[in-house]
């Protein structure tokens, strides 16, 4: 019961879900950025800085990270998506687009579907560093795996903070706590349900070893609209060096795109697939 009260209190303060808060002048489109496993919202401020001022980059700050370090992280994705849907709808954004890297790609598509079901349209979904919707790269080891196993997996992806994790025990403990919770999100995070109405853009690093053997075309089955794909130089964290090109793709995808309309009621086929 105490945990439920704490979650309710978090919903009373919508600002805490968005790094930088909501007290600022918004442009035409707000790009809500969802983190990778173990990641923080602040990463997007560097990765996608070039997207502004055309697009407002709004990192989503999940519990257990950075400014919300004292809060328990989520381990169940349906619960997280339900709360995110509520706070996003209450935030007063002008035009919503979603960007998610790795685990965040799954969060983005599931959040898009939930928002559309609630009558809130999404202009575009950008999924990065992840294979098709049925593939879950971070679930290659159990939530109780030894620290060394998780750290080795992070090193293999080229995680930008890997050396710092090895050097600073306190930082390592904080990140491992979040990663273990995020593995729970991954394990409860099938991209299930009907296709979304928003168009999808898929981005991956050419040298990323993670998507070897993945069927990236599977993303096309997740939208009633168009699905385009880009492969850029770099590994799993290609965003570190390719932020300007990713920002260009985002701006081009959103420029001139008409404002989306709230989706109508699902068809019988869509209802049966839920």
Protein backbone atom coordinates (compact mmCIF):
# COMPACT_ATOMS: atom_id res chain seq x y z
CA UNK A 1 0.00 0.00 0.00
CA UNK A 2 2.87 2.38 0.82
CA UNK A 3 4.36 1.84 -2.64
CA UNK A 4 0.98 2.68 -4.21
CA UNK A 5 0.84 5.94 -2.24
CA UNK A 6 4.36 6.84 -3.37
CA UNK A 7 3.44 6.18 -7.01
CA UNK A 8 0.37 8.38 -6.61
CA UNK A 9 2.50 11.18 -5.20
CA UNK A 10 4.78 10.93 -8.23
CA UNK A 11 1.81 11.46 -10.51
CA UNK A 12 0.92 14.65 -8.63
CA UNK A 13 4.21 16.13 -9.84
CA UNK A 14 4.24 15.67 -13.60
CA UNK A 15 7.37 17.81 -13.91
CA UNK A 16 9.62 15.14 -12.43
CA UNK A 17 8.96 12.81 -15.38
CA UNK A 18 10.59 15.19 -17.85
CA UNK A 19 14.19 16.34 -17.47
CA UNK A 20 14.18 20.13 -17.31
CA UNK A 21 10.54 20.23 -16.26
CA UNK A 22 7.60 21.70 -18.12
CA UNK A 23 7.90 25.38 -17.26
CA UNK A 24 9.25 26.55 -20.63
CA UNK A 25 7.98 27.81 -23.95
CA UNK A 26 7.22 24.91 -26.28
CA UNK A 27 7.72 24.89 -30.02
CA UNK A 28 5.64 22.99 -32.54
CA UNK A 29 6.80 19.45 -31.65
CA UNK A 30 8.02 17.83 -28.45
CA UNK A 31 10.25 14.76 -28.94
CA UNK A 32 9.91 12.61 -25.82
CA UNK A 33 13.08 10.50 -25.46
CA UNK A 34 12.98 7.17 -23.61
CA UNK A 35 16.18 5.69 -22.13
CA UNK A 36 18.11 2.53 -22.88
CA UNK A 37 18.53 -0.11 -20.19
CA UNK A 38 20.48 1.45 -17.33
CA UNK A 39 20.44 4.80 -19.12
CA UNK A 40 19.53 8.30 -18.01
CA UNK A 41 17.45 11.01 -19.60
CA UNK A 42 20.40 13.42 -19.70
CA UNK A 43 22.15 11.39 -22.43
CA UNK A 44 19.70 12.76 -24.99
CA UNK A 45 20.69 16.35 -24.24
CA UNK A 46 24.06 15.65 -25.84
CA UNK A 47 22.98 13.09 -28.42
CA UNK A 48 20.12 15.06 -29.95
CA UNK A 49 21.10 18.66 -29.19
CA UNK A 50 21.25 19.40 -32.91
CA UNK A 51 17.51 18.70 -33.27
CA UNK A 52 16.70 21.94 -31.47
CA UNK A 53 15.33 24.57 -31.91
CA UNK A 54 13.18 22.96 -34.63
CA UNK A 55 12.14 20.20 -32.23
CA UNK A 56 11.97 20.33 -28.43
CA UNK A 57 14.07 17.45 -27.08
CA UNK A 58 12.33 16.30 -23.88
CA UNK A 59 14.16 13.45 -22.10
CA UNK A 60 11.84 11.24 -20.07
CA UNK A 61 13.27 10.77 -16.57
CA UNK A 62 12.27 7.41 -15.11
CA UNK A 63 12.37 6.69 -11.36
CA UNK A 64 15.67 5.48 -9.94
CA UNK A 65 17.85 7.68 -12.17
CA UNK A 66 19.62 11.03 -11.74
CA UNK A 67 17.07 13.53 -10.38
CA UNK A 68 14.82 10.63 -9.25
CA UNK A 69 17.55 8.52 -7.67
CA UNK A 70 15.71 8.12 -4.37
CA UNK A 71 12.64 6.60 -6.01
CA UNK A 72 12.34 2.85 -6.63
CA UNK A 73 12.71 1.97 -10.33
CA UNK A 74 9.90 0.20 -12.16
CA UNK A 75 10.23 -3.51 -12.90
CA UNK A 76 6.89 -4.05 -14.67
CA UNK A 77 6.46 -2.46 -18.10
CA UNK A 78 2.63 -2.39 -18.30
CA UNK A 79 2.53 -0.44 -15.02
CA UNK A 80 5.18 1.98 -16.27
CA UNK A 81 3.40 2.50 -19.60
CA UNK A 82 0.11 3.20 -17.82
CA UNK A 83 1.71 5.89 -15.64
CA UNK A 84 3.66 7.39 -18.54
CA UNK A 85 0.49 7.59 -20.60
CA UNK A 86 -1.22 9.52 -17.82
CA UNK A 87 1.61 12.02 -17.24
CA UNK A 88 2.21 12.61 -20.96
CA UNK A 89 -1.47 13.39 -21.49
CA UNK A 90 -1.43 15.78 -18.54
CA UNK A 91 1.77 17.56 -19.57
CA UNK A 92 0.18 19.82 -22.16
CA UNK A 93 2.51 19.10 -25.08
CA UNK A 94 1.62 20.62 -28.46
CA UNK A 95 2.55 17.76 -30.79
CA UNK A 96 4.12 14.55 -29.54
CA UNK A 97 6.84 12.46 -31.20
CA UNK A 98 8.66 9.61 -29.47
CA UNK A 99 12.30 8.46 -29.60
CA UNK A 100 13.60 5.36 -27.84
CA UNK A 101 17.02 3.73 -27.91
CA UNK A 102 17.46 -0.01 -27.24
CA UNK A 103 15.01 -0.80 -24.39
CA UNK A 104 13.56 2.67 -25.02
CA UNK A 105 12.50 1.58 -28.52
CA UNK A 106 10.10 -0.96 -27.02
CA UNK A 107 8.88 1.60 -24.48
CA UNK A 108 8.27 4.11 -27.28
CA UNK A 109 6.08 1.80 -29.38
CA UNK A 110 4.10 0.57 -26.38
CA UNK A 111 3.65 4.14 -25.16
CA UNK A 112 2.54 5.23 -28.63
CA UNK A 113 -0.12 2.52 -28.71
CA UNK A 114 -1.34 3.42 -25.23
CA UNK A 115 -1.53 7.13 -26.05
CA UNK A 116 -3.44 6.46 -29.27
CA UNK A 117 -5.90 4.22 -27.44
CA UNK A 118 -6.46 7.06 -24.98
CA UNK A 119 -7.18 9.47 -27.82
CA UNK A 120 -3.82 11.29 -27.85
CA UNK A 121 -2.20 11.17 -31.30
CA UNK A 122 1.53 10.71 -31.86
CA UNK A 123 3.19 12.34 -34.87
CA UNK A 124 6.11 9.92 -35.27
CA UNK A 125 7.98 7.12 -33.49
CA UNK A 126 11.77 6.73 -33.81
CA UNK A 127 13.12 3.33 -32.70
CA UNK A 128 16.88 3.04 -32.29
CA UNK A 129 19.34 0.24 -31.54
CA UNK A 130 16.76 -2.52 -31.44
CA UNK A 131 15.63 -5.32 -33.71
CA UNK A 132 12.07 -6.14 -34.62
CA UNK A 133 9.33 -5.98 -31.99
CA UNK A 134 9.62 -9.64 -30.94
CA UNK A 135 13.37 -9.40 -30.25
CA UNK A 136 14.77 -8.32 -26.89
CA UNK A 137 18.55 -7.85 -26.80
CA UNK A 138 18.86 -6.95 -23.12
CA UNK A 139 17.18 -10.19 -21.99
CA UNK A 140 20.27 -12.32 -22.72
CA UNK A 141 20.89 -12.92 -18.99
CA UNK A 142 18.63 -13.21 -15.90
CA UNK A 143 17.90 -10.35 -13.51
CA UNK A 144 20.02 -12.05 -10.83
CA UNK A 145 23.08 -12.45 -13.06
CA UNK A 146 26.45 -11.66 -11.42
CA UNK A 147 27.65 -8.08 -11.66
CA UNK A 148 30.55 -9.18 -13.86
CA UNK A 149 28.17 -10.70 -16.43
CA UNK A 150 26.20 -7.47 -16.72
CA UNK A 151 29.33 -5.32 -16.87
CA UNK A 152 30.83 -7.52 -19.60
CA UNK A 153 27.62 -7.19 -21.62
CA UNK A 154 27.74 -3.39 -21.23
CA UNK A 155 31.35 -3.31 -22.37
CA UNK A 156 30.48 -5.33 -25.48
CA UNK A 157 27.87 -2.74 -26.51
CA UNK A 158 30.35 0.15 -26.32
CA UNK A 159 28.43 1.83 -23.47
CA UNK A 160 29.81 5.38 -23.16
CA UNK A 161 30.11 5.26 -19.36
CA UNK A 162 31.69 1.80 -19.17
CA UNK A 163 35.14 2.93 -18.01
CA UNK A 164 33.60 5.12 -15.31
CA UNK A 165 31.61 2.13 -14.03
CA UNK A 166 34.83 0.17 -13.59
CA UNK A 167 36.54 3.08 -11.83
CA UNK A 168 33.82 4.29 -9.44
CA UNK A 169 32.13 1.64 -7.22
CA UNK A 170 29.29 3.94 -6.11
CA UNK A 171 28.35 4.77 -9.71
CA UNK A 172 28.57 1.07 -10.58
CA UNK A 173 26.16 0.15 -7.78
CA UNK A 174 23.64 2.79 -8.88
CA UNK A 175 23.75 1.72 -12.53
CA UNK A 176 23.56 -2.00 -11.78
CA UNK A 177 20.50 -1.39 -9.58
CA UNK A 178 18.73 0.30 -12.47
CA UNK A 179 19.85 -2.27 -15.04
CA UNK A 180 18.47 -5.13 -12.95
CA UNK A 181 15.15 -3.30 -12.69
CA UNK A 182 15.21 -2.57 -16.42
CA UNK A 183 15.67 -6.27 -17.16
CA UNK A 184 12.29 -6.70 -15.51
CA UNK A 185 10.88 -4.07 -17.88
CA UNK A 186 12.36 -5.96 -20.82
CA UNK A 187 10.97 -9.30 -19.70
CA UNK A 188 7.47 -7.82 -19.31
CA UNK A 189 7.73 -5.71 -22.46
CA UNK A 190 6.56 -7.60 -25.51
CA UNK A 191 5.48 -5.19 -28.25
CA UNK A 192 2.09 -6.83 -28.46
CA UNK A 193 -1.13 -5.53 -29.92
CA UNK A 194 -2.34 -3.88 -33.11
CA UNK A 195 -0.12 -1.63 -35.23
CA UNK A 196 0.12 2.01 -34.26
CA UNK A 197 -1.19 4.85 -36.41
CA UNK A 198 2.07 6.84 -36.29
CA UNK A 199 4.83 6.33 -38.86
CA UNK A 200 7.98 4.59 -37.61
CA UNK A 201 11.61 5.36 -38.40
CA UNK A 202 14.19 2.69 -37.52
CA UNK A 203 17.81 3.67 -36.77
CA UNK A 204 20.77 1.39 -36.04
CA UNK A 205 24.56 1.48 -36.01
CA UNK A 206 26.25 -0.30 -38.93
CA UNK A 207 28.81 -1.89 -36.60
CA UNK A 208 26.42 -2.77 -33.80
CA UNK A 209 26.98 -6.46 -32.98
CA UNK A 210 23.68 -6.64 -31.10
CA UNK A 211 21.27 -6.81 -34.09
CA UNK A 212 23.17 -9.57 -35.91
CA UNK A 213 20.55 -11.89 -37.37
CA UNK A 214 17.67 -9.58 -36.47
CA UNK A 215 14.85 -8.97 -38.90
CA UNK A 216 14.70 -5.17 -38.82
CA UNK A 217 11.89 -5.23 -41.40
CA UNK A 218 9.67 -6.60 -38.66
CA UNK A 219 9.19 -3.02 -37.44
CA UNK A 220 7.12 -2.35 -40.55
CA UNK A 221 4.41 -4.64 -39.17
CA UNK A 222 3.99 -2.32 -36.20
CA UNK A 223 2.49 0.64 -38.05
CA UNK A 224 -0.45 1.36 -40.33
CA UNK A 225 1.65 4.20 -41.77
CA UNK A 226 5.11 4.22 -43.36
CA UNK A 227 8.24 2.60 -41.93
CA UNK A 228 11.70 3.76 -43.03
CA UNK A 229 15.11 2.52 -41.93
CA UNK A 230 18.59 4.08 -41.58
CA UNK A 231 21.93 2.47 -40.70
CA UNK A 232 24.58 4.92 -39.55
CA UNK A 233 28.30 4.53 -38.79
CA UNK A 234 28.99 3.29 -35.29
CA UNK A 235 28.22 0.53 -32.80
CA UNK A 236 25.25 0.07 -30.47
CA UNK A 237 25.83 3.58 -29.13
CA UNK A 238 26.30 5.14 -32.56
CA UNK A 239 24.31 8.12 -31.20
CA UNK A 240 27.45 9.38 -29.43
CA UNK A 241 29.08 10.24 -32.77
CA UNK A 242 26.07 10.51 -35.06
CA UNK A 243 23.84 12.91 -33.15
CA UNK A 244 23.82 15.54 -35.90
CA UNK A 245 22.82 13.03 -38.57
CA UNK A 246 20.13 11.54 -36.34
CA UNK A 247 18.85 15.06 -35.66
CA UNK A 248 18.74 15.73 -39.40
CA UNK A 249 16.68 12.56 -39.94
CA UNK A 250 14.32 13.58 -37.13
CA UNK A 251 13.83 17.09 -38.51
CA UNK A 252 13.28 15.79 -42.05
CA UNK A 253 10.79 13.17 -40.84
CA UNK A 254 8.75 15.73 -38.90
CA UNK A 255 9.02 18.71 -41.27
CA UNK A 256 5.86 19.25 -43.23
CA UNK A 257 4.24 16.17 -41.73
CA UNK A 258 0.59 17.00 -41.02
CA UNK A 259 -0.58 17.00 -37.45
CA UNK A 260 -1.90 13.53 -36.60
CA UNK A 261 -5.55 12.94 -35.82
CA UNK A 262 -6.80 11.00 -32.86
CA UNK A 263 -7.32 7.39 -33.95
CA UNK A 264 -10.81 6.02 -34.34
CA UNK A 265 -12.12 2.94 -32.58
CA UNK A 266 -10.17 -0.27 -33.30
CA UNK A 267 -11.38 -2.59 -36.02
CA UNK A 268 -12.56 -6.12 -35.24
CA UNK A 269 -9.23 -7.48 -36.53
CA UNK A 270 -7.31 -5.16 -34.21
CA UNK A 271 -9.46 -6.06 -31.23
CA UNK A 272 -8.89 -9.77 -31.85
CA UNK A 273 -5.11 -9.28 -31.92
CA UNK A 274 -4.99 -7.75 -28.42
